[in-house]
């Protein structure tokens, strides 16, 4: 994933998660970041709107790290 796409995804993610980009640690799980199911659903919808990539329900889960989500998005946008 190129730097601009990664940066935009992190901005989008931070906005929906009600965090700052600086608070996002790619090694932390969504649960450790304090995200609930509603946050994850909002992130999935925002990704679909921004990138045209549908994220099936359950593909983002609480035990997943932000890095894993970035890798997932990268694979889906190739």
Protein backbone atom coordinates (compact mmCIF):
# COMPACT_ATOMS: atom_id res chain seq x y z
CA UNK A 1 0.00 0.00 0.00
CA UNK A 2 1.47 3.36 -0.92
CA UNK A 3 2.14 6.01 1.70
CA UNK A 4 -0.71 8.29 0.63
CA UNK A 5 -3.24 5.46 0.85
CA UNK A 6 -1.92 4.34 4.23
CA UNK A 7 -2.05 7.91 5.55
CA UNK A 8 -5.60 8.40 4.29
CA UNK A 9 -6.73 5.08 5.78
CA UNK A 10 -5.23 6.02 9.16
CA UNK A 11 -6.96 9.41 9.04
CA UNK A 12 -10.26 7.79 8.14
CA UNK A 13 -9.82 5.13 10.81
CA UNK A 14 -8.91 7.68 13.49
CA UNK A 15 -11.94 9.80 12.63
CA UNK A 16 -14.37 6.87 12.89
CA UNK A 17 -12.64 5.52 16.01
CA UNK A 18 -12.75 8.94 17.70
CA UNK A 19 -8.97 8.90 18.15
CA UNK A 20 -6.09 10.95 16.79
CA UNK A 21 -3.72 9.46 14.23
CA UNK A 22 -0.95 9.75 16.85
CA UNK A 23 -2.93 7.44 19.17
CA UNK A 24 -3.00 4.68 16.57
CA UNK A 25 -0.41 1.98 17.17
CA UNK A 26 -0.40 -0.57 14.33
CA UNK A 27 0.50 -3.35 16.77
CA UNK A 28 -2.51 -2.85 19.04
CA UNK A 29 -5.71 -4.77 18.57
CA UNK A 30 -8.98 -2.96 18.01
CA UNK A 31 -9.99 -4.09 21.49
CA UNK A 32 -6.83 -2.55 22.97
CA UNK A 33 -7.65 0.68 21.11
CA UNK A 34 -11.03 0.67 22.85
CA UNK A 35 -13.12 0.10 19.74
CA UNK A 36 -16.51 -1.53 19.84
CA UNK A 37 -18.54 -3.19 17.08
CA UNK A 38 -20.15 0.11 16.08
CA UNK A 39 -16.73 1.69 15.50
CA UNK A 40 -15.67 -1.27 13.35
CA UNK A 41 -18.88 -1.08 11.32
CA UNK A 42 -18.33 2.66 10.76
CA UNK A 43 -14.77 1.99 9.63
CA UNK A 44 -15.95 -0.71 7.21
CA UNK A 45 -18.59 1.61 5.72
CA UNK A 46 -16.10 4.47 5.40
CA UNK A 47 -13.60 2.18 3.64
CA UNK A 48 -16.29 1.06 1.23
CA UNK A 49 -17.23 4.65 0.46
CA UNK A 50 -13.63 5.85 0.12
CA UNK A 51 -12.10 2.90 -1.76
CA UNK A 52 -15.08 1.01 -3.19
CA UNK A 53 -14.01 -2.06 -1.21
CA UNK A 54 -16.73 -3.90 0.68
CA UNK A 55 -15.56 -5.45 3.93
CA UNK A 56 -17.83 -8.38 4.80
CA UNK A 57 -19.26 -8.44 8.30
CA UNK A 58 -16.85 -10.19 10.61
CA UNK A 59 -13.71 -9.48 8.57
CA UNK A 60 -12.84 -6.72 11.04
CA UNK A 61 -12.84 -8.14 14.55
CA UNK A 62 -11.72 -7.07 18.02
CA UNK A 63 -8.64 -9.31 18.13
CA UNK A 64 -7.32 -7.90 14.85
CA UNK A 65 -4.51 -5.33 14.86
CA UNK A 66 -4.49 -2.13 12.86
CA UNK A 67 -1.51 -3.53 10.89
CA UNK A 68 -3.59 -6.60 9.96
CA UNK A 69 -6.41 -4.30 8.81
CA UNK A 70 -3.97 -2.32 6.66
CA UNK A 71 -2.65 -5.55 5.12
CA UNK A 72 -6.24 -6.71 4.51
CA UNK A 73 -7.13 -3.45 2.77
CA UNK A 74 -3.94 -3.57 0.72
CA UNK A 75 -4.77 -7.09 -0.51
CA UNK A 76 -8.36 -6.09 -1.36
CA UNK A 77 -7.35 -2.99 -3.35
CA UNK A 78 -4.79 -4.66 -5.62
